[in-house]
């Protein structure tokens, strides 16, 4: 069992995915790097989602869920270095917190997804 203030980071190299007809998935040229970290702070969990490898100025929608309940839905623009960050908090549920974060490029539909358990 983790103690309060426990910290976990998960890093994932995700291929760029473009949704096609009937749920088909295509791999585009290039990759994004997604990373998500979480820190338990008593009754809350602070979650940080980071994406890098994007083009500067691209608009991304970032959503996060804890145990299937969405707790964040933010829109961010990649900075000059092609990076973005979203920080959000969620309730610290009994047992492990299963957190999913998904970023989706609002123009191309490219997505980057990461999951962690804390």
N, C-alpha and C. Protein backbone atom coordinates (compact mmCIF):
# COMPACT_ATOMS: atom_id res chain seq x y z
N UNK A 1 0.85 -1.19 0.00
CA UNK A 1 0.00 0.00 0.00
C UNK A 1 0.88 1.24 0.00
N UNK A 2 0.56 2.19 -0.83
CA UNK A 2 1.34 3.42 -0.91
C UNK A 2 0.90 4.36 0.21
N UNK A 3 1.84 5.12 0.70
CA UNK A 3 1.53 6.10 1.75
C UNK A 3 1.14 7.43 1.11
N UNK A 4 0.47 8.32 1.86
CA UNK A 4 0.13 9.64 1.30
C UNK A 4 1.38 10.33 0.78
N UNK A 5 1.23 11.00 -0.32
CA UNK A 5 2.37 11.67 -0.93
C UNK A 5 3.16 10.76 -1.85
N UNK A 6 2.70 9.50 -2.00
CA UNK A 6 3.40 8.57 -2.89
C UNK A 6 3.35 9.13 -4.31
N UNK A 7 4.38 8.87 -5.08
CA UNK A 7 4.51 9.48 -6.40
C UNK A 7 4.77 8.39 -7.41
N UNK A 8 4.10 8.46 -8.55
CA UNK A 8 4.26 7.47 -9.61
C UNK A 8 4.28 8.18 -10.94
N UNK A 9 5.22 7.82 -11.78
CA UNK A 9 5.28 8.38 -13.12
C UNK A 9 5.29 7.25 -14.13
N UNK A 10 4.52 7.40 -15.18
CA UNK A 10 4.49 6.43 -16.26
C UNK A 10 4.79 7.18 -17.55
N UNK A 11 5.73 6.68 -18.33
CA UNK A 11 6.05 7.32 -19.61
C UNK A 11 5.72 6.33 -20.73
N UNK A 12 5.18 6.85 -21.78
CA UNK A 12 4.78 6.00 -22.91
C UNK A 12 5.19 6.67 -24.20
N UNK A 13 5.75 5.90 -25.12
CA UNK A 13 5.98 6.38 -26.48
C UNK A 13 4.80 5.89 -27.29
N UNK A 14 3.97 6.81 -27.73
CA UNK A 14 2.73 6.43 -28.42
C UNK A 14 2.83 6.80 -29.89
N UNK A 15 2.47 5.87 -30.73
CA UNK A 15 2.40 6.17 -32.17
C UNK A 15 1.25 7.12 -32.41
N UNK A 16 1.40 7.95 -33.39
CA UNK A 16 0.32 8.84 -33.77
C UNK A 16 -0.77 7.98 -34.39
N UNK A 17 -1.97 8.12 -33.90
CA UNK A 17 -3.08 7.31 -34.41
C UNK A 17 -4.12 8.23 -35.03
N UNK A 18 -4.57 7.88 -36.20
CA UNK A 18 -5.63 8.63 -36.86
C UNK A 18 -6.84 7.73 -37.01
N UNK A 19 -7.96 8.19 -36.51
CA UNK A 19 -9.18 7.40 -36.60
C UNK A 19 -9.71 7.45 -38.03
N UNK A 20 -10.01 6.32 -38.58
CA UNK A 20 -10.54 6.24 -39.94
C UNK A 20 -11.96 5.75 -39.90
N UNK A 21 -12.51 5.40 -41.04
CA UNK A 21 -13.88 4.92 -41.10
C UNK A 21 -14.05 3.61 -40.33
N UNK A 22 -15.22 3.45 -39.73
CA UNK A 22 -15.59 2.22 -39.00
C UNK A 22 -14.58 1.87 -37.93
N UNK A 23 -13.97 2.87 -37.27
CA UNK A 23 -13.06 2.62 -36.17
C UNK A 23 -11.70 2.10 -36.60
N UNK A 24 -11.39 2.13 -37.89
CA UNK A 24 -10.07 1.69 -38.36
C UNK A 24 -9.01 2.63 -37.82
N UNK A 25 -7.82 2.13 -37.61
CA UNK A 25 -6.72 2.92 -37.07
C UNK A 25 -5.55 2.87 -38.04
N UNK A 26 -4.97 4.03 -38.33
CA UNK A 26 -3.80 4.10 -39.20
C UNK A 26 -2.66 4.72 -38.41
N UNK A 27 -1.44 4.28 -38.67
CA UNK A 27 -0.26 4.88 -38.04
C UNK A 27 0.27 5.94 -38.98
N UNK A 28 0.40 7.16 -38.45
CA UNK A 28 0.93 8.25 -39.26
C UNK A 28 2.44 8.30 -39.10
N UNK A 29 3.10 9.08 -39.93
CA UNK A 29 4.55 9.25 -39.83
C UNK A 29 4.85 10.12 -38.62
N UNK A 30 5.75 9.67 -37.77
CA UNK A 30 6.13 10.45 -36.59
C UNK A 30 5.56 9.86 -35.32
N UNK A 31 5.99 10.39 -34.21
CA UNK A 31 5.52 9.91 -32.91
C UNK A 31 5.36 11.07 -31.95
N UNK A 32 4.50 10.87 -30.95
CA UNK A 32 4.34 11.80 -29.83
C UNK A 32 4.82 11.05 -28.59
N UNK A 33 5.26 11.77 -27.62
CA UNK A 33 5.63 11.20 -26.33
C UNK A 33 4.63 11.72 -25.31
N UNK A 34 3.92 10.80 -24.65
CA UNK A 34 2.97 11.17 -23.60
C UNK A 34 3.53 10.69 -22.27
N UNK A 35 3.31 11.48 -21.26
CA UNK A 35 3.74 11.09 -19.92
C UNK A 35 2.70 11.60 -18.94
N UNK A 36 2.41 10.78 -17.94
CA UNK A 36 1.46 11.18 -16.92
C UNK A 36 2.03 10.80 -15.57
N UNK A 37 1.91 11.69 -14.60
CA UNK A 37 2.35 11.39 -13.25
C UNK A 37 1.22 11.72 -12.29
N UNK A 38 1.22 11.05 -11.13
CA UNK A 38 0.17 11.27 -10.14
C UNK A 38 0.78 11.25 -8.75
N UNK A 39 0.28 12.13 -7.90
CA UNK A 39 0.72 12.20 -6.51
C UNK A 39 -0.51 12.18 -5.61
N UNK A 40 -0.55 11.24 -4.65
CA UNK A 40 -1.65 11.20 -3.70
C UNK A 40 -1.39 12.23 -2.61
N UNK A 41 -2.38 13.10 -2.41
CA UNK A 41 -2.29 14.16 -1.41
C UNK A 41 -3.51 14.06 -0.49
N UNK A 42 -3.49 13.08 0.42
CA UNK A 42 -4.63 12.88 1.32
C UNK A 42 -5.87 12.48 0.55
N UNK A 43 -6.94 13.29 0.61
CA UNK A 43 -8.18 12.91 -0.06
C UNK A 43 -8.18 13.19 -1.56
N UNK A 44 -7.12 13.77 -2.10
CA UNK A 44 -7.04 14.13 -3.51
C UNK A 44 -5.85 13.44 -4.19
N UNK A 45 -5.92 13.33 -5.49
CA UNK A 45 -4.80 12.86 -6.32
C UNK A 45 -4.54 13.96 -7.35
N UNK A 46 -3.32 14.46 -7.39
CA UNK A 46 -2.95 15.45 -8.40
C UNK A 46 -2.32 14.73 -9.58
N UNK A 47 -2.84 14.97 -10.78
CA UNK A 47 -2.39 14.28 -11.98
C UNK A 47 -1.85 15.31 -12.97
N UNK A 48 -0.67 15.02 -13.52
CA UNK A 48 -0.06 15.88 -14.54
C UNK A 48 0.10 15.08 -15.82
N UNK A 49 -0.47 15.58 -16.91
CA UNK A 49 -0.37 14.96 -18.23
C UNK A 49 0.50 15.86 -19.08
N UNK A 50 1.55 15.27 -19.70
CA UNK A 50 2.44 16.03 -20.58
C UNK A 50 2.51 15.36 -21.94
N UNK A 51 2.60 16.20 -22.98
CA UNK A 51 2.77 15.70 -24.34
C UNK A 51 3.89 16.51 -24.98
N UNK A 52 4.77 15.82 -25.70
CA UNK A 52 5.81 16.51 -26.45
C UNK A 52 5.97 15.85 -27.81
N UNK A 53 6.55 16.57 -28.74
CA UNK A 53 6.72 16.04 -30.08
C UNK A 53 5.67 16.54 -31.04
N UNK A 54 4.80 17.42 -30.56
CA UNK A 54 3.77 18.01 -31.41
C UNK A 54 4.38 19.18 -32.17
N UNK A 55 3.66 19.65 -33.18
CA UNK A 55 4.06 20.88 -33.85
C UNK A 55 3.59 22.06 -33.02
N UNK A 56 4.37 23.12 -32.99
CA UNK A 56 3.98 24.33 -32.27
C UNK A 56 2.65 24.84 -32.80
N UNK A 57 1.78 25.28 -31.88
CA UNK A 57 0.52 25.88 -32.27
C UNK A 57 -0.64 24.92 -32.48
N UNK A 58 -0.39 23.61 -32.46
CA UNK A 58 -1.50 22.66 -32.62
C UNK A 58 -2.38 22.70 -31.37
N UNK A 59 -3.68 22.58 -31.58
CA UNK A 59 -4.65 22.61 -30.48
C UNK A 59 -5.00 21.17 -30.10
N UNK A 60 -4.85 20.85 -28.83
CA UNK A 60 -5.11 19.51 -28.30
C UNK A 60 -6.21 19.57 -27.24
N UNK A 61 -7.08 18.58 -27.26
CA UNK A 61 -8.07 18.39 -26.19
C UNK A 61 -7.55 17.26 -25.31
N UNK A 62 -7.39 17.54 -24.03
CA UNK A 62 -6.87 16.55 -23.08
C UNK A 62 -7.97 16.21 -22.09
N UNK A 63 -8.28 14.91 -21.99
CA UNK A 63 -9.28 14.43 -21.05
C UNK A 63 -8.67 13.37 -20.16
N UNK A 64 -9.10 13.34 -18.88
CA UNK A 64 -8.60 12.35 -17.93
C UNK A 64 -9.76 11.74 -17.14
N UNK A 65 -9.63 10.46 -16.86
CA UNK A 65 -10.63 9.71 -16.11
C UNK A 65 -9.97 8.98 -14.94
N UNK A 66 -10.72 8.83 -13.85
CA UNK A 66 -10.28 8.02 -12.71
C UNK A 66 -11.39 7.01 -12.45
N UNK A 67 -11.10 5.73 -12.68
CA UNK A 67 -12.11 4.70 -12.48
C UNK A 67 -13.32 4.88 -13.39
N UNK A 68 -13.11 5.41 -14.59
CA UNK A 68 -14.18 5.60 -15.54
C UNK A 68 -14.95 6.91 -15.39
N UNK A 69 -14.61 7.70 -14.38
CA UNK A 69 -15.28 8.98 -14.16
C UNK A 69 -14.36 10.10 -14.64
N UNK A 70 -14.83 10.90 -15.61
CA UNK A 70 -14.01 11.97 -16.15
C UNK A 70 -13.86 13.10 -15.13
N UNK A 71 -12.61 13.53 -14.91
CA UNK A 71 -12.37 14.63 -13.97
C UNK A 71 -11.65 15.80 -14.62
N UNK A 72 -11.25 15.68 -15.88
CA UNK A 72 -10.60 16.79 -16.56
C UNK A 72 -10.96 16.77 -18.04
N UNK A 73 -11.21 17.94 -18.59
CA UNK A 73 -11.48 18.11 -20.02
C UNK A 73 -10.98 19.51 -20.37
N UNK A 74 -9.74 19.58 -20.87
CA UNK A 74 -9.09 20.87 -21.12
C UNK A 74 -8.61 20.94 -22.57
N UNK A 75 -8.55 22.14 -23.09
CA UNK A 75 -7.98 22.38 -24.41
C UNK A 75 -6.70 23.18 -24.22
N UNK A 76 -5.62 22.73 -24.87
CA UNK A 76 -4.33 23.40 -24.76
C UNK A 76 -3.72 23.54 -26.15
N UNK A 77 -2.86 24.55 -26.30
CA UNK A 77 -2.14 24.79 -27.54
C UNK A 77 -0.68 24.44 -27.29
N UNK A 78 -0.09 23.62 -28.18
CA UNK A 78 1.32 23.25 -28.04
C UNK A 78 2.19 24.51 -28.14
N UNK A 79 3.17 24.64 -27.24
CA UNK A 79 4.04 25.82 -27.24
C UNK A 79 5.04 25.77 -28.38
N UNK A 80 5.95 26.72 -28.43
CA UNK A 80 6.93 26.81 -29.51
C UNK A 80 7.80 25.57 -29.61
N UNK A 81 7.95 24.83 -28.50
CA UNK A 81 8.74 23.59 -28.50
C UNK A 81 7.89 22.36 -28.81
N UNK A 82 6.59 22.54 -29.05
CA UNK A 82 5.71 21.42 -29.35
C UNK A 82 5.28 20.66 -28.11
N UNK A 83 5.28 21.32 -26.96
CA UNK A 83 4.92 20.67 -25.69
C UNK A 83 3.68 21.30 -25.09
N UNK A 84 2.99 20.49 -24.28
CA UNK A 84 1.87 21.01 -23.51
C UNK A 84 1.76 20.24 -22.21
N UNK A 85 1.06 20.85 -21.24
CA UNK A 85 0.91 20.23 -19.92
C UNK A 85 -0.46 20.57 -19.37
N UNK A 86 -1.10 19.58 -18.74
CA UNK A 86 -2.37 19.77 -18.05
C UNK A 86 -2.22 19.18 -16.65
N UNK A 87 -2.60 19.97 -15.64
CA UNK A 87 -2.59 19.51 -14.25
C UNK A 87 -4.02 19.57 -13.75
N UNK A 88 -4.48 18.47 -13.14
CA UNK A 88 -5.84 18.40 -12.60
C UNK A 88 -5.84 17.54 -11.35
N UNK A 89 -6.87 17.69 -10.53
CA UNK A 89 -6.99 16.86 -9.33
C UNK A 89 -8.28 16.05 -9.40
N UNK A 90 -8.24 14.91 -8.73
CA UNK A 90 -9.39 14.03 -8.66
C UNK A 90 -9.47 13.48 -7.23
N UNK A 91 -10.60 12.92 -6.92
CA UNK A 91 -10.80 12.33 -5.59
C UNK A 91 -9.94 11.06 -5.46
N UNK A 92 -9.32 10.89 -4.29
CA UNK A 92 -8.56 9.69 -3.99
C UNK A 92 -9.56 8.60 -3.58
N UNK A 93 -9.81 7.68 -4.48
CA UNK A 93 -10.79 6.62 -4.24
C UNK A 93 -10.19 5.51 -3.38
N UNK A 94 -11.02 4.75 -2.68
CA UNK A 94 -10.50 3.60 -1.92
C UNK A 94 -9.82 2.62 -2.88
N UNK A 95 -8.72 2.06 -2.47
CA UNK A 95 -7.98 1.13 -3.31
C UNK A 95 -7.18 1.87 -4.36
N UNK A 96 -6.68 1.15 -5.37
CA UNK A 96 -5.88 1.82 -6.40
C UNK A 96 -6.72 2.74 -7.28
N UNK A 97 -6.13 3.86 -7.65
CA UNK A 97 -6.76 4.77 -8.60
C UNK A 97 -6.27 4.41 -9.99
N UNK A 98 -7.20 4.07 -10.89
CA UNK A 98 -6.89 3.72 -12.28
C UNK A 98 -7.15 4.95 -13.13
N UNK A 99 -6.09 5.62 -13.58
CA UNK A 99 -6.22 6.89 -14.28
C UNK A 99 -5.84 6.73 -15.75
N UNK A 100 -6.67 7.29 -16.62
CA UNK A 100 -6.44 7.28 -18.07
C UNK A 100 -6.42 8.72 -18.55
N UNK A 101 -5.43 9.05 -19.37
CA UNK A 101 -5.35 10.37 -19.99
C UNK A 101 -5.25 10.23 -21.50
N UNK A 102 -6.05 11.01 -22.22
CA UNK A 102 -6.04 10.97 -23.69
C UNK A 102 -5.96 12.40 -24.21
N UNK A 103 -5.00 12.64 -25.11
CA UNK A 103 -4.89 13.92 -25.80
C UNK A 103 -5.24 13.67 -27.27
N UNK A 104 -6.05 14.57 -27.84
CA UNK A 104 -6.45 14.43 -29.24
C UNK A 104 -6.23 15.76 -29.96
N UNK A 105 -5.49 15.69 -31.09
CA UNK A 105 -5.28 16.86 -31.93
C UNK A 105 -6.63 17.23 -32.54
N UNK A 106 -7.05 18.47 -32.37
CA UNK A 106 -8.38 18.89 -32.79
C UNK A 106 -8.52 19.04 -34.31
N UNK A 107 -7.41 19.04 -35.04
CA UNK A 107 -7.48 19.17 -36.50
C UNK A 107 -7.37 17.80 -37.17
N UNK A 108 -6.34 17.04 -36.82
CA UNK A 108 -6.07 15.77 -37.51
C UNK A 108 -6.73 14.56 -36.85
N UNK A 109 -7.11 14.68 -35.58
CA UNK A 109 -7.66 13.53 -34.86
C UNK A 109 -6.59 12.64 -34.27
N UNK A 110 -5.31 12.99 -34.45
CA UNK A 110 -4.22 12.20 -33.86
C UNK A 110 -4.43 12.13 -32.36
N UNK A 111 -4.10 11.01 -31.74
CA UNK A 111 -4.30 10.88 -30.30
C UNK A 111 -3.12 10.23 -29.62
N UNK A 112 -2.98 10.54 -28.36
CA UNK A 112 -1.93 10.00 -27.51
C UNK A 112 -2.59 9.60 -26.19
N UNK A 113 -2.41 8.37 -25.76
CA UNK A 113 -3.09 7.86 -24.58
C UNK A 113 -2.10 7.22 -23.61
N UNK A 114 -2.32 7.43 -22.32
CA UNK A 114 -1.49 6.82 -21.30
C UNK A 114 -2.38 6.43 -20.11
N UNK A 115 -2.02 5.33 -19.45
CA UNK A 115 -2.76 4.84 -18.29
C UNK A 115 -1.79 4.63 -17.14
N UNK A 116 -2.28 4.84 -15.91
CA UNK A 116 -1.47 4.52 -14.74
C UNK A 116 -2.36 4.09 -13.60
N UNK A 117 -1.76 3.40 -12.66
CA UNK A 117 -2.45 2.96 -11.46
C UNK A 117 -1.62 3.40 -10.27
N UNK A 118 -2.26 4.04 -9.31
CA UNK A 118 -1.54 4.49 -8.11
C UNK A 118 -2.36 4.16 -6.89
